[in-house]
Amino acid sequence: QVPQVESGGGSVQPGGSLRLSCVVSGYSSKNCEVAWYRQVEGKERELVASIGRDGIRTYIEAVKGRFTISHDNDKNVVYLQMNSLETDDTAVYYCAAERRMEYSGGYYCLTMKHLWGQGTPVTVSP
């Protein structure tokens, strides 16, 4: 069963905004990596934005200054605020969230990229 459900996509005009949400169920991602990817039909899925295990936010050049990734640790919900949308942002957006695995000595982060959700489509057109 896929643990994450993405939502918030839609159709907007250039310059518009959308806020994507990704609800991750069944585990915690606290202090682990969370990220948003996007995929255009016929192309490879690409990383758009991430919050690393060190808490550092990283963005691809194309979205810097326009997109903001955030993570509600308590609810394990990952957000992507997208402003000043452009036609090139049209894609299906997916999230990925590592799973925090606790053990007696501490914890480690387990990748969950073998499980992808349905994604949420974003269409930007005049």
Protein backbone atom coordinates (compact mmCIF):
# COMPACT_ATOMS: atom_id res chain seq x y z
CA GLN A 1 0.00 0.00 0.00
CA VAL A 2 1.31 3.40 -0.99
CA PRO A 3 1.84 5.53 2.11
CA GLN A 4 1.54 8.97 0.54
CA VAL A 5 -1.34 10.78 -1.13
CA GLU A 6 -0.71 13.93 -3.12
CA SER A 7 -3.33 16.62 -3.73
CA GLY A 8 -3.74 20.28 -4.58
CA GLY A 9 -2.98 20.24 -8.27
CA GLY A 10 -5.13 21.89 -10.88
CA SER A 11 -5.26 24.18 -13.89
CA VAL A 12 -4.04 27.75 -13.58
CA GLN A 13 -2.92 30.57 -15.82
CA PRO A 14 0.70 31.68 -15.97
CA GLY A 15 1.51 33.75 -12.91
CA GLY A 16 -0.93 31.85 -10.74
CA SER A 17 -0.29 29.89 -7.56
CA LEU A 18 -1.02 26.44 -6.20
CA ARG A 19 -0.24 24.70 -2.95
CA LEU A 20 0.39 20.98 -3.14
CA SER A 21 0.00 18.70 -0.15
CA CYS A 22 1.32 15.22 0.48
CA VAL A 23 -0.10 13.28 3.40
CA VAL A 24 2.21 10.48 4.48
CA SER A 25 0.54 7.80 6.56
CA GLY A 26 1.90 5.00 8.67
CA TYR A 27 5.29 6.34 9.59
CA SER A 28 7.31 9.36 10.61
CA SER A 29 9.76 11.24 8.42
CA LYS A 30 11.13 13.43 11.18
CA ASN A 31 14.74 14.42 10.45
CA CYS A 32 14.64 12.39 7.23
CA GLU A 33 14.52 13.60 3.66
CA VAL A 34 11.26 14.67 2.04
CA ALA A 35 10.97 15.82 -1.53
CA TRP A 36 8.78 16.76 -4.45
CA TYR A 37 9.34 15.42 -7.95
CA ARG A 38 7.58 16.08 -11.22
CA GLN A 39 7.21 14.22 -14.45
CA VAL A 40 6.14 15.26 -17.90
CA GLU A 41 4.80 12.48 -20.08
CA GLY A 42 7.59 10.90 -22.04
CA LYS A 43 10.31 12.34 -19.83
CA GLU A 44 12.20 11.23 -16.75
CA ARG A 45 10.89 12.13 -13.32
CA GLU A 46 12.91 15.03 -11.95
CA LEU A 47 13.60 16.25 -8.45
CA VAL A 48 12.09 19.69 -7.89
CA ALA A 49 12.66 20.46 -4.24
CA SER A 50 13.78 18.66 -1.11
CA ILE A 51 14.42 19.08 2.59
CA GLY A 52 17.48 17.06 3.45
CA ARG A 53 18.22 15.14 6.62
CA ASP A 54 20.17 18.19 7.74
CA GLY A 55 17.12 20.40 7.26
CA ILE A 56 18.57 22.20 4.27
CA ARG A 57 16.13 23.06 1.51
CA THR A 58 17.28 22.52 -2.07
CA TYR A 59 15.58 23.57 -5.30
CA ILE A 60 16.29 23.11 -8.96
CA GLU A 61 17.31 26.32 -10.65
CA ALA A 62 14.09 26.55 -12.64
CA VAL A 63 11.92 26.97 -9.53
CA LYS A 64 14.20 28.92 -7.19
CA GLY A 65 12.47 31.97 -5.78
CA ARG A 66 9.05 30.69 -6.89
CA PHE A 67 8.53 27.38 -5.04
CA THR A 68 8.79 26.69 -1.32
CA ILE A 69 8.88 23.24 0.24
CA SER A 70 7.85 22.72 3.86
CA HIS A 71 7.19 19.80 6.16
CA ASP A 72 4.84 19.44 9.11
CA ASN A 73 6.76 16.89 11.15
CA ASP A 74 3.94 16.19 13.58
CA LYS A 75 1.37 15.43 10.91
CA ASN A 76 3.93 14.19 8.37
CA VAL A 77 2.52 16.34 5.62
CA VAL A 78 4.80 17.78 2.95
CA TYR A 79 3.79 20.95 1.15
CA LEU A 80 4.92 22.66 -2.02
CA GLN A 81 3.87 26.27 -2.40
CA MET A 82 4.16 27.22 -6.05
CA ASN A 83 3.97 30.86 -7.06
CA SER A 84 4.47 32.65 -10.37
CA LEU A 85 3.71 29.46 -12.20
CA GLU A 86 4.99 29.07 -15.75
CA THR A 87 3.87 26.82 -18.60
CA ASP A 88 7.04 24.75 -18.12
CA ASP A 89 5.81 23.81 -14.65
CA THR A 90 3.08 21.69 -16.22
CA ALA A 91 3.61 18.12 -15.00
CA VAL A 92 2.38 15.49 -12.60
CA TYR A 93 3.86 16.15 -9.17
CA TYR A 94 4.86 13.38 -6.76
CA CYS A 95 6.23 13.42 -3.27
CA ALA A 96 8.69 11.10 -1.57
CA ALA A 97 9.31 10.84 2.15
CA GLU A 98 11.95 8.72 3.84
CA ARG A 99 10.83 6.60 6.73
CA ARG A 100 12.36 7.14 10.14
CA MET A 101 13.37 3.80 11.65
CA GLU A 102 14.05 3.80 15.38
CA TYR A 103 16.37 1.41 17.15
CA SER A 104 17.90 1.29 20.63
CA GLY A 105 20.92 3.35 19.59
CA GLY A 106 19.10 6.02 17.61
CA TYR A 107 17.48 6.02 14.20
CA TYR A 108 18.14 5.80 10.47
CA CYS A 109 16.24 6.90 7.40
CA LEU A 110 14.86 4.39 4.93
CA THR A 111 14.14 5.33 1.35
CA MET A 112 10.58 4.72 0.23
CA LYS A 113 11.05 5.59 -3.44
CA HIS A 114 9.96 2.14 -4.49
CA LEU A 115 6.42 3.25 -3.61
CA TRP A 116 5.09 6.15 -5.69
CA GLY A 117 1.64 7.62 -5.29
CA GLN A 118 -0.77 8.69 -8.02
CA GLY A 119 0.65 12.18 -8.04
CA THR A 120 -1.28 15.37 -8.57
CA PRO A 121 -1.43 17.00 -12.01
CA VAL A 122 -0.57 20.64 -12.53
CA THR A 123 -1.45 22.38 -15.77
CA VAL A 124 -0.32 25.93 -16.46
CA SER A 125 -1.74 27.44 -19.64
CA PRO A 126 -2.96 30.84 -20.88
